[in-house]
Amino acid sequence: TSPPRLVNQVNDDQRLKRNYSHQPPVIPHRIDGYQVDKNFNKCLDCHAREKSAFSQAIPVSQTHYIDRSGKVLDHISTRRYFCKQCHVAQEPVAPLVGNGFRGDPADAASAPKK
């Protein structure tokens, strides 16, 4: 049997503040059913630089266009292609365990405001 589907996923398209430098932003919308594999990446339908003006989505960071040797590419680097390796959908649920992490106030000051 398959596990039950999570149904409370945030779907408000609001950017959340980050807790530390270089923290990958969370995904503020539903992504269930998105195809992200070696043949296709649904995220790029909106977040590719050439499509973000039309979609009004945040474009993929320029760091995603650099390969491991530092060469700037005209396409997303294969090491950054699978978005869900770093970016996760936000769930409005209570933590399962306690967490005392507070982040660096200097990092929080430069984060996007909620």
C-alpha atoms as a PDB file:
ATOM      1  CA  THR A   1       0.000   0.000   0.000  1.00  0.00           C
ATOM      2  CA  SER A   2       1.079   3.590  -0.493  1.00  0.00           C
ATOM      3  CA  PRO A   3       1.298   6.146   2.315  1.00  0.00           C
ATOM      4  CA  PRO A   4      -1.518   8.673   2.691  1.00  0.00           C
ATOM      5  CA  ARG A   5      -1.166  11.841   0.642  1.00  0.00           C
ATOM      6  CA  LEU A   6      -0.191  14.948   2.599  1.00  0.00           C
ATOM      7  CA  VAL A   7      -3.053  17.382   2.125  1.00  0.00           C
ATOM      8  CA  ASN A   8      -2.012  20.508   4.022  1.00  0.00           C
ATOM      9  CA  GLN A   9       0.769  21.647   1.732  1.00  0.00           C
ATOM     10  CA  VAL A  10       1.121  25.429   1.630  1.00  0.00           C
ATOM     11  CA  ASN A  11      -0.140  26.814  -1.670  1.00  0.00           C
ATOM     12  CA  ASP A  12      -0.025  30.604  -1.238  1.00  0.00           C
ATOM     13  CA  ASP A  13       2.988  31.544  -3.421  1.00  0.00           C
ATOM     14  CA  GLN A  14       4.383  33.700  -0.590  1.00  0.00           C
ATOM     15  CA  ARG A  15       8.172  33.772  -0.186  1.00  0.00           C
ATOM     16  CA  LEU A  16       9.274  32.732   3.285  1.00  0.00           C
ATOM     17  CA  LYS A  17      12.300  34.172   5.038  1.00  0.00           C
ATOM     18  CA  ARG A  18      15.384  31.991   5.136  1.00  0.00           C
ATOM     19  CA  ASN A  19      17.075  31.006   8.373  1.00  0.00           C
ATOM     20  CA  TYR A  20      20.699  31.047   7.196  1.00  0.00           C
ATOM     21  CA  SER A  21      22.856  32.110   4.247  1.00  0.00           C
ATOM     22  CA  HIS A  22      22.560  29.934   1.181  1.00  0.00           C
ATOM     23  CA  GLN A  23      19.495  28.113   2.518  1.00  0.00           C
ATOM     24  CA  PRO A  24      17.544  26.895  -0.513  1.00  0.00           C
ATOM     25  CA  PRO A  25      14.137  28.587  -0.581  1.00  0.00           C
ATOM     26  CA  VAL A  26      11.152  26.396   0.207  1.00  0.00           C
ATOM     27  CA  ILE A  27       8.541  25.814  -2.486  1.00  0.00           C
ATOM     28  CA  PRO A  28       5.435  27.910  -1.675  1.00  0.00           C
ATOM     29  CA  HIS A  29       3.018  25.965  -3.865  1.00  0.00           C
ATOM     30  CA  ARG A  30       1.880  22.419  -4.509  1.00  0.00           C
ATOM     31  CA  ILE A  31       4.227  20.207  -6.528  1.00  0.00           C
ATOM     32  CA  ASP A  32       2.562  16.821  -6.262  1.00  0.00           C
ATOM     33  CA  GLY A  33       2.447  15.289  -9.714  1.00  0.00           C
ATOM     34  CA  TYR A  34       5.341  17.405 -11.037  1.00  0.00           C
ATOM     35  CA  GLN A  35       7.591  15.445 -13.368  1.00  0.00           C
ATOM     36  CA  VAL A  36      11.254  16.064 -12.573  1.00  0.00           C
ATOM     37  CA  ASP A  37      13.459  13.440 -14.168  1.00  0.00           C
ATOM     38  CA  LYS A  38      16.214  13.159 -16.771  1.00  0.00           C
ATOM     39  CA  ASN A  39      13.671  13.728 -19.559  1.00  0.00           C
ATOM     40  CA  PHE A  40      11.701  16.699 -18.242  1.00  0.00           C
ATOM     41  CA  ASN A  41      11.649  19.229 -15.403  1.00  0.00           C
ATOM     42  CA  LYS A  42       8.202  20.719 -14.732  1.00  0.00           C
ATOM     43  CA  CYS A  43       9.692  23.417 -12.455  1.00  0.00           C
ATOM     44  CA  LEU A  44      11.403  24.977 -15.464  1.00  0.00           C
ATOM     45  CA  ASP A  45       8.041  25.616 -17.158  1.00  0.00           C
ATOM     46  CA  CYS A  46       7.806  28.684 -14.903  1.00  0.00           C
ATOM     47  CA  HIS A  47      11.201  29.176 -13.253  1.00  0.00           C
ATOM     48  CA  ALA A  48      13.487  29.014 -16.318  1.00  0.00           C
ATOM     49  CA  ARG A  49      14.994  32.469 -16.888  1.00  0.00           C
ATOM     50  CA  GLU A  50      13.414  32.773 -20.333  1.00  0.00           C
ATOM     51  CA  LYS A  51       9.930  31.998 -18.943  1.00  0.00           C
ATOM     52  CA  SER A  52       9.898  33.780 -15.583  1.00  0.00           C
ATOM     53  CA  ALA A  53       8.873  37.190 -16.952  1.00  0.00           C
ATOM     54  CA  PHE A  54       5.685  35.670 -18.354  1.00  0.00           C
ATOM     55  CA  SER A  55       4.996  33.331 -15.414  1.00  0.00           C
ATOM     56  CA  GLN A  56       5.950  35.914 -12.741  1.00  0.00           C
ATOM     57  CA  ALA A  57       7.835  33.110 -10.948  1.00  0.00           C
ATOM     58  CA  ILE A  58      11.192  33.649  -9.278  1.00  0.00           C
ATOM     59  CA  PRO A  59      13.812  32.713 -11.896  1.00  0.00           C
ATOM     60  CA  VAL A  60      16.344  29.990 -11.212  1.00  0.00           C
ATOM     61  CA  SER A  61      19.453  31.426  -9.545  1.00  0.00           C
ATOM     62  CA  GLN A  62      22.425  32.176 -11.765  1.00  0.00           C
ATOM     63  CA  THR A  63      24.422  29.747  -9.598  1.00  0.00           C
ATOM     64  CA  HIS A  64      22.405  26.931 -11.197  1.00  0.00           C
ATOM     65  CA  TYR A  65      24.043  27.747 -14.551  1.00  0.00           C
ATOM     66  CA  ILE A  66      27.599  27.032 -13.362  1.00  0.00           C
ATOM     67  CA  ASP A  67      29.163  23.594 -13.686  1.00  0.00           C
ATOM     68  CA  ARG A  68      31.492  22.008 -11.143  1.00  0.00           C
ATOM     69  CA  SER A  69      34.583  23.448 -12.852  1.00  0.00           C
ATOM     70  CA  GLY A  70      33.167  26.994 -12.616  1.00  0.00           C
ATOM     71  CA  LYS A  71      32.240  27.331 -16.294  1.00  0.00           C
ATOM     72  CA  VAL A  72      29.103  29.424 -16.932  1.00  0.00           C
ATOM     73  CA  LEU A  73      26.623  27.467 -19.051  1.00  0.00           C
ATOM     74  CA  ASP A  74      23.715  28.557 -21.268  1.00  0.00           C
ATOM     75  CA  HIS A  75      21.530  25.900 -19.626  1.00  0.00           C
ATOM     76  CA  ILE A  76      20.958  24.596 -16.105  1.00  0.00           C
ATOM     77  CA  SER A  77      23.866  22.542 -14.821  1.00  0.00           C
ATOM     78  CA  THR A  78      23.093  18.845 -14.487  1.00  0.00           C
ATOM     79  CA  ARG A  79      24.155  19.006 -10.848  1.00  0.00           C
ATOM     80  CA  ARG A  80      21.378  21.556 -10.184  1.00  0.00           C
ATOM     81  CA  TYR A  81      18.685  20.044 -12.412  1.00  0.00           C
ATOM     82  CA  PHE A  82      16.814  17.972  -9.805  1.00  0.00           C
ATOM     83  CA  CYS A  83      15.186  20.771  -7.793  1.00  0.00           C
ATOM     84  CA  LYS A  84      13.747  18.600  -5.034  1.00  0.00           C
ATOM     85  CA  GLN A  85      17.234  17.579  -3.898  1.00  0.00           C
ATOM     86  CA  CYS A  86      17.462  20.948  -2.125  1.00  0.00           C
ATOM     87  CA  HIS A  87      14.068  22.648  -2.363  1.00  0.00           C
ATOM     88  CA  VAL A  88      11.121  21.241  -0.432  1.00  0.00           C
ATOM     89  CA  ALA A  89       7.437  22.082  -0.241  1.00  0.00           C
ATOM     90  CA  GLN A  90       6.362  23.811   2.961  1.00  0.00           C
ATOM     91  CA  GLU A  91       3.906  22.006   5.234  1.00  0.00           C
ATOM     92  CA  PRO A  92       1.958  23.942   7.908  1.00  0.00           C
ATOM     93  CA  VAL A  93       2.330  21.294  10.593  1.00  0.00           C
ATOM     94  CA  ALA A  94       3.770  21.243  14.086  1.00  0.00           C
ATOM     95  CA  PRO A  95       7.298  19.818  14.374  1.00  0.00           C
ATOM     96  CA  LEU A  96       7.465  16.149  15.323  1.00  0.00           C
ATOM     97  CA  VAL A  97      10.459  16.803  17.590  1.00  0.00           C
ATOM     98  CA  GLY A  98      11.753  19.879  19.386  1.00  0.00           C
ATOM     99  CA  ASN A  99      14.110  22.177  17.510  1.00  0.00           C
ATOM    100  CA  GLY A 100      16.170  24.936  19.079  1.00  0.00           C
ATOM    101  CA  PHE A 101      17.746  26.164  15.820  1.00  0.00           C
ATOM    102  CA  ARG A 102      17.567  29.959  15.592  1.00  0.00           C
ATOM    103  CA  GLY A 103      19.827  30.773  12.658  1.00  0.00           C
ATOM    104  CA  ASP A 104      22.229  33.668  12.419  1.00  0.00           C
ATOM    105  CA  PRO A 105      20.527  37.061  12.971  1.00  0.00           C
ATOM    106  CA  ALA A 106      22.806  38.574  10.304  1.00  0.00           C
ATOM    107  CA  ASP A 107      21.518  36.049   7.790  1.00  0.00           C
ATOM    108  CA  ALA A 108      17.898  36.644   8.799  1.00  0.00           C
ATOM    109  CA  ALA A 109      18.325  40.410   8.340  1.00  0.00           C
ATOM    110  CA  SER A 110      19.173  39.940   4.666  1.00  0.00           C
ATOM    111  CA  ALA A 111      16.440  37.374   4.017  1.00  0.00           C
ATOM    112  CA  PRO A 112      13.271  38.211   2.055  1.00  0.00           C
ATOM    113  CA  LYS A 113      10.486  39.396   4.338  1.00  0.00           C
ATOM    114  CA  LYS A 114       7.408  37.233   4.712  1.00  0.00           C
END
